[in-house]
Amino acid sequence: MRLLLMSDTHLPRRARELPAPLLAELPRADVVVHAGDWVDTATLDLLRARSRRLLAVYGNNDGPELRARLPEVARAELGGLRFGVVHETGAAQGREARCAARFPDLDVLVFGHSHIPWDTTAPSGLRLLNPGSPTDRRRQPHCIYLTATVTGGALTEVELHRLPPRGTR
């Protein structure tokens, strides 16, 4: 099962549209995961229309329309793994312990908010992933997103994809 993970798209404030390399991944993904801060409903509609399955939440910058259509926390069993998605997890320090306590029933938690890629595993075994942002790099050198594969009940091939600068996409 191939996963495409993204967060913090902030359209149309941070970019006019999703990057072409990210859009090209949509038909290859069995599940698209978005960890919030869409800002516009058009991006939600686009991903719902082009994704086989969308697992998504709202973020702190999402208004009432998105909050009415998306949950704060989403959960799904994907290929034998228990996934959760949430936008905010708090400060980096202590994140693994906080998330393991808040989500003891999950195997993988995808989160956003910081725009900083993150891939760690809590002592409990909870894998925490932040796919960064494909449209707003903030203090990062590149805009990014993640892909991953679920095979035999295990998360494999977690890959960070760096996007070229906007003028060269």
C-alpha atoms as a PDB file:
ATOM      1  CA  MET A   1       0.000   0.000   0.000  1.00  0.00           C
ATOM      2  CA  ARG A   2       1.541   3.313  -1.096  1.00  0.00           C
ATOM      3  CA  LEU A   3       0.952   6.429   1.017  1.00  0.00           C
ATOM      4  CA  LEU A   4       1.385  10.079   0.083  1.00  0.00           C
ATOM      5  CA  LEU A   5       1.737  12.351   3.140  1.00  0.00           C
ATOM      6  CA  MET A   6       1.523  16.129   3.227  1.00  0.00           C
ATOM      7  CA  SER A   7       0.595  18.968   5.538  1.00  0.00           C
ATOM      8  CA  ASP A   8       0.450  22.745   5.743  1.00  0.00           C
ATOM      9  CA  THR A   9      -0.442  23.480   2.131  1.00  0.00           C
ATOM     10  CA  HIS A  10      -1.755  26.967   3.049  1.00  0.00           C
ATOM     11  CA  LEU A  11      -3.311  27.581  -0.372  1.00  0.00           C
ATOM     12  CA  PRO A  12      -3.633  30.133  -1.853  1.00  0.00           C
ATOM     13  CA  ARG A  13      -1.694  32.174   0.728  1.00  0.00           C
ATOM     14  CA  ARG A  14       1.711  30.460   0.440  1.00  0.00           C
ATOM     15  CA  ALA A  15       1.385  29.219  -3.147  1.00  0.00           C
ATOM     16  CA  ARG A  16      -1.193  29.409  -5.918  1.00  0.00           C
ATOM     17  CA  GLU A  17      -1.407  25.645  -6.376  1.00  0.00           C
ATOM     18  CA  LEU A  18       0.032  22.343  -5.273  1.00  0.00           C
ATOM     19  CA  PRO A  19       3.377  21.565  -6.952  1.00  0.00           C
ATOM     20  CA  ALA A  20       3.258  19.426 -10.104  1.00  0.00           C
ATOM     21  CA  PRO A  21       5.564  16.693  -8.685  1.00  0.00           C
ATOM     22  CA  LEU A  22       3.205  16.268  -5.719  1.00  0.00           C
ATOM     23  CA  LEU A  23       0.135  16.144  -7.975  1.00  0.00           C
ATOM     24  CA  ALA A  24       1.892  13.527 -10.121  1.00  0.00           C
ATOM     25  CA  GLU A  25       2.109  11.290  -7.019  1.00  0.00           C
ATOM     26  CA  LEU A  26      -1.675  11.269  -6.468  1.00  0.00           C
ATOM     27  CA  PRO A  27      -2.523   8.481  -8.959  1.00  0.00           C
ATOM     28  CA  ARG A  28       0.263   6.318  -7.504  1.00  0.00           C
ATOM     29  CA  ALA A  29      -1.037   6.593  -3.917  1.00  0.00           C
ATOM     30  CA  ASP A  30      -3.509   4.188  -2.403  1.00  0.00           C
ATOM     31  CA  VAL A  31      -4.039   6.630   0.468  1.00  0.00           C
ATOM     32  CA  VAL A  32      -3.360  10.373   0.620  1.00  0.00           C
ATOM     33  CA  VAL A  33      -2.818  11.799   4.113  1.00  0.00           C
ATOM     34  CA  HIS A  34      -3.121  15.549   4.833  1.00  0.00           C
ATOM     35  CA  ALA A  35      -2.318  16.735   8.363  1.00  0.00           C
ATOM     36  CA  GLY A  36      -4.125  20.074   8.238  1.00  0.00           C
ATOM     37  CA  ASP A  37      -3.715  23.761   7.461  1.00  0.00           C
ATOM     38  CA  TRP A  38      -5.342  23.610   4.066  1.00  0.00           C
ATOM     39  CA  VAL A  39      -6.674  27.188   4.317  1.00  0.00           C
ATOM     40  CA  ASP A  40      -8.915  26.771   1.235  1.00  0.00           C
ATOM     41  CA  THR A  41     -11.659  24.258   0.517  1.00  0.00           C
ATOM     42  CA  ALA A  42     -10.621  23.978  -3.148  1.00  0.00           C
ATOM     43  CA  THR A  43      -7.537  21.956  -2.164  1.00  0.00           C
ATOM     44  CA  LEU A  44      -9.679  19.586  -0.102  1.00  0.00           C
ATOM     45  CA  ASP A  45     -12.050  19.165  -3.054  1.00  0.00           C
ATOM     46  CA  LEU A  46      -9.127  18.548  -5.419  1.00  0.00           C
ATOM     47  CA  LEU A  47      -7.569  15.891  -3.199  1.00  0.00           C
ATOM     48  CA  ARG A  48     -10.913  14.197  -2.567  1.00  0.00           C
ATOM     49  CA  ALA A  49     -11.571  14.058  -6.317  1.00  0.00           C
ATOM     50  CA  ARG A  50      -8.120  12.758  -7.269  1.00  0.00           C
ATOM     51  CA  SER A  51      -7.370  10.426  -4.363  1.00  0.00           C
ATOM     52  CA  ARG A  52      -8.449   6.820  -4.061  1.00  0.00           C
ATOM     53  CA  ARG A  53      -8.727   7.435  -0.323  1.00  0.00           C
ATOM     54  CA  LEU A  54      -8.115  10.589   1.702  1.00  0.00           C
ATOM     55  CA  LEU A  55      -7.311  10.598   5.411  1.00  0.00           C
ATOM     56  CA  ALA A  56      -7.269  14.210   6.598  1.00  0.00           C
ATOM     57  CA  VAL A  57      -7.792  16.668   9.445  1.00  0.00           C
ATOM     58  CA  TYR A  58      -8.168  20.399   9.874  1.00  0.00           C
ATOM     59  CA  GLY A  59      -5.406  22.631  11.241  1.00  0.00           C
ATOM     60  CA  ASN A  60      -5.210  25.800  13.289  1.00  0.00           C
ATOM     61  CA  ASN A  61      -5.381  28.034  10.174  1.00  0.00           C
ATOM     62  CA  ASP A  62      -8.487  26.330   8.804  1.00  0.00           C
ATOM     63  CA  GLY A  63     -11.766  28.184   9.074  1.00  0.00           C
ATOM     64  CA  PRO A  64     -15.317  27.028   9.793  1.00  0.00           C
ATOM     65  CA  GLU A  65     -15.941  25.509   6.338  1.00  0.00           C
ATOM     66  CA  LEU A  66     -12.981  23.142   6.605  1.00  0.00           C
ATOM     67  CA  ARG A  67     -13.672  22.396  10.269  1.00  0.00           C
ATOM     68  CA  ALA A  68     -17.228  21.414   9.328  1.00  0.00           C
ATOM     69  CA  ARG A  69     -15.901  18.937   6.737  1.00  0.00           C
ATOM     70  CA  LEU A  70     -12.865  17.500   8.540  1.00  0.00           C
ATOM     71  CA  PRO A  71     -12.178  16.078  12.008  1.00  0.00           C
ATOM     72  CA  GLU A  72      -9.532  17.306  14.448  1.00  0.00           C
ATOM     73  CA  VAL A  73      -8.173  13.754  14.679  1.00  0.00           C
ATOM     74  CA  ALA A  74      -8.568  11.048  12.025  1.00  0.00           C
ATOM     75  CA  ARG A  75      -7.898   7.340  12.475  1.00  0.00           C
ATOM     76  CA  ALA A  76      -7.725   4.429  10.066  1.00  0.00           C
ATOM     77  CA  GLU A  77      -6.332   0.934   9.821  1.00  0.00           C
ATOM     78  CA  LEU A  78      -4.068   0.827   6.768  1.00  0.00           C
ATOM     79  CA  GLY A  79      -2.444  -2.433   5.775  1.00  0.00           C
ATOM     80  CA  GLY A  80      -2.544  -3.771   9.312  1.00  0.00           C
ATOM     81  CA  LEU A  81      -1.213  -0.594  10.969  1.00  0.00           C
ATOM     82  CA  ARG A  82      -3.278   1.743  13.128  1.00  0.00           C
ATOM     83  CA  PHE A  83      -2.765   5.282  11.783  1.00  0.00           C
ATOM     84  CA  GLY A  84      -3.761   8.576  13.304  1.00  0.00           C
ATOM     85  CA  VAL A  85      -3.580  12.081  11.892  1.00  0.00           C
ATOM     86  CA  VAL A  86      -3.597  15.319  13.882  1.00  0.00           C
ATOM     87  CA  HIS A  87      -2.345  18.793  13.104  1.00  0.00           C
ATOM     88  CA  GLU A  88      -0.666  19.940  16.309  1.00  0.00           C
ATOM     89  CA  THR A  89       1.412  17.951  18.798  1.00  0.00           C
ATOM     90  CA  GLY A  90       3.064  20.766  20.762  1.00  0.00           C
ATOM     91  CA  ALA A  91       6.749  21.497  21.273  1.00  0.00           C
ATOM     92  CA  ALA A  92       9.413  19.187  19.853  1.00  0.00           C
ATOM     93  CA  GLN A  93      10.829  18.504  23.323  1.00  0.00           C
ATOM     94  CA  GLY A  94       8.833  15.696  24.892  1.00  0.00           C
ATOM     95  CA  ARG A  95       6.780  15.075  21.739  1.00  0.00           C
ATOM     96  CA  GLU A  96       7.255  11.290  21.698  1.00  0.00           C
ATOM     97  CA  ALA A  97       6.125  10.854  25.310  1.00  0.00           C
ATOM     98  CA  ARG A  98       3.151  13.221  24.918  1.00  0.00           C
ATOM     99  CA  CYS A  99       1.950  11.567  21.723  1.00  0.00           C
ATOM    100  CA  ALA A 100       2.436   8.044  23.078  1.00  0.00           C
ATOM    101  CA  ALA A 101       0.314   8.975  26.109  1.00  0.00           C
ATOM    102  CA  ARG A 102      -2.370  10.694  23.999  1.00  0.00           C
ATOM    103  CA  PHE A 103      -2.502   8.004  21.296  1.00  0.00           C
ATOM    104  CA  PRO A 104      -1.688   4.666  22.990  1.00  0.00           C
ATOM    105  CA  ASP A 105      -3.790   2.760  20.445  1.00  0.00           C
ATOM    106  CA  LEU A 106      -1.818   3.885  17.346  1.00  0.00           C
ATOM    107  CA  ASP A 107       1.157   2.495  15.478  1.00  0.00           C
ATOM    108  CA  VAL A 108       1.791   5.629  13.368  1.00  0.00           C
ATOM    109  CA  LEU A 109       0.877   9.270  13.995  1.00  0.00           C
ATOM    110  CA  VAL A 110       1.123  11.788  11.151  1.00  0.00           C
ATOM    111  CA  PHE A 111       1.149  15.427  12.246  1.00  0.00           C
ATOM    112  CA  GLY A 112       1.849  18.869  10.831  1.00  0.00           C
ATOM    113  CA  HIS A 113       1.973  22.460  12.030  1.00  0.00           C
ATOM    114  CA  SER A 114       5.739  23.065  12.251  1.00  0.00           C
ATOM    115  CA  HIS A 115       6.566  22.629   8.534  1.00  0.00           C
ATOM    116  CA  ILE A 116       9.625  20.734   9.783  1.00  0.00           C
ATOM    117  CA  PRO A 117      10.023  17.108   8.697  1.00  0.00           C
ATOM    118  CA  TRP A 118      10.045  14.662  11.585  1.00  0.00           C
ATOM    119  CA  ASP A 119      10.523  10.911  11.788  1.00  0.00           C
ATOM    120  CA  THR A 120      11.019   9.375  15.215  1.00  0.00           C
ATOM    121  CA  THR A 121       9.748   6.434  17.200  1.00  0.00           C
ATOM    122  CA  ALA A 122       8.578   6.731  20.792  1.00  0.00           C
ATOM    123  CA  PRO A 123       9.751   4.125  23.340  1.00  0.00           C
ATOM    124  CA  SER A 124       6.211   2.696  23.136  1.00  0.00           C
ATOM    125  CA  GLY A 125       6.776   1.947  19.428  1.00  0.00           C
ATOM    126  CA  LEU A 126       4.601   4.802  18.122  1.00  0.00           C
ATOM    127  CA  ARG A 127       6.128   6.149  14.893  1.00  0.00           C
ATOM    128  CA  LEU A 128       5.743   9.916  14.512  1.00  0.00           C
ATOM    129  CA  LEU A 129       5.912  11.490  11.050  1.00  0.00           C
ATOM    130  CA  ASN A 130       5.664  15.111   9.979  1.00  0.00           C
ATOM    131  CA  PRO A 131       5.734  15.460   6.179  1.00  0.00           C
ATOM    132  CA  GLY A 132       6.648  19.164   6.265  1.00  0.00           C
ATOM    133  CA  SER A 133       5.031  21.442   3.700  1.00  0.00           C
ATOM    134  CA  PRO A 134       5.032  21.192  -0.102  1.00  0.00           C
ATOM    135  CA  THR A 135       4.258  24.907  -0.447  1.00  0.00           C
ATOM    136  CA  ASP A 136       5.752  26.801   2.519  1.00  0.00           C
ATOM    137  CA  ARG A 137       9.302  25.841   3.448  1.00  0.00           C
ATOM    138  CA  ARG A 138       9.576  28.373   6.279  1.00  0.00           C
ATOM    139  CA  ARG A 139      13.033  27.829   7.801  1.00  0.00           C
ATOM    140  CA  GLN A 140      13.662  24.664   5.800  1.00  0.00           C
ATOM    141  CA  PRO A 141      15.892  24.607   2.713  1.00  0.00           C
ATOM    142  CA  HIS A 142      13.165  22.995   0.563  1.00  0.00           C
ATOM    143  CA  CYS A 143       9.433  22.478   0.345  1.00  0.00           C
ATOM    144  CA  ILE A 144       8.813  18.785   0.961  1.00  0.00           C
ATOM    145  CA  TYR A 145       6.386  15.896   1.263  1.00  0.00           C
ATOM    146  CA  LEU A 146       6.684  12.220   2.212  1.00  0.00           C
ATOM    147  CA  THR A 147       5.820   8.915   0.631  1.00  0.00           C
ATOM    148  CA  ALA A 148       5.767   5.588   2.417  1.00  0.00           C
ATOM    149  CA  THR A 149       4.760   1.997   1.877  1.00  0.00           C
ATOM    150  CA  VAL A 150       2.878  -0.340   4.170  1.00  0.00           C
ATOM    151  CA  THR A 151       3.922  -3.937   3.551  1.00  0.00           C
ATOM    152  CA  GLY A 152       3.078  -6.910   5.711  1.00  0.00           C
ATOM    153  CA  GLY A 153       1.864  -4.740   8.574  1.00  0.00           C
ATOM    154  CA  ALA A 154       5.057  -2.648   8.604  1.00  0.00           C
ATOM    155  CA  LEU A 155       5.785   0.911   7.507  1.00  0.00           C
ATOM    156  CA  THR A 156       8.620   0.810   4.981  1.00  0.00           C
ATOM    157  CA  GLU A 157      10.247   3.010   2.386  1.00  0.00           C
ATOM    158  CA  VAL A 158       9.516   6.294   4.174  1.00  0.00           C
ATOM    159  CA  GLU A 159      10.983   8.813   1.750  1.00  0.00           C
ATOM    160  CA  LEU A 160      11.288  12.577   1.999  1.00  0.00           C
ATOM    161  CA  HIS A 161      10.853  14.331  -1.363  1.00  0.00           C
ATOM    162  CA  ARG A 162      12.463  17.747  -1.792  1.00  0.00           C
ATOM    163  CA  LEU A 163      10.694  19.975  -4.278  1.00  0.00           C
ATOM    164  CA  PRO A 164      12.582  22.321  -6.586  1.00  0.00           C
ATOM    165  CA  PRO A 165      12.233  26.069  -6.010  1.00  0.00           C
ATOM    166  CA  ARG A 166       8.914  27.455  -7.286  1.00  0.00           C
ATOM    167  CA  GLY A 167      10.246  29.007 -10.479  1.00  0.00           C
ATOM    168  CA  THR A 168      11.734  25.697 -11.621  1.00  0.00           C
ATOM    169  CA  ARG A 169       8.817  23.298 -11.048  1.00  0.00           C
END
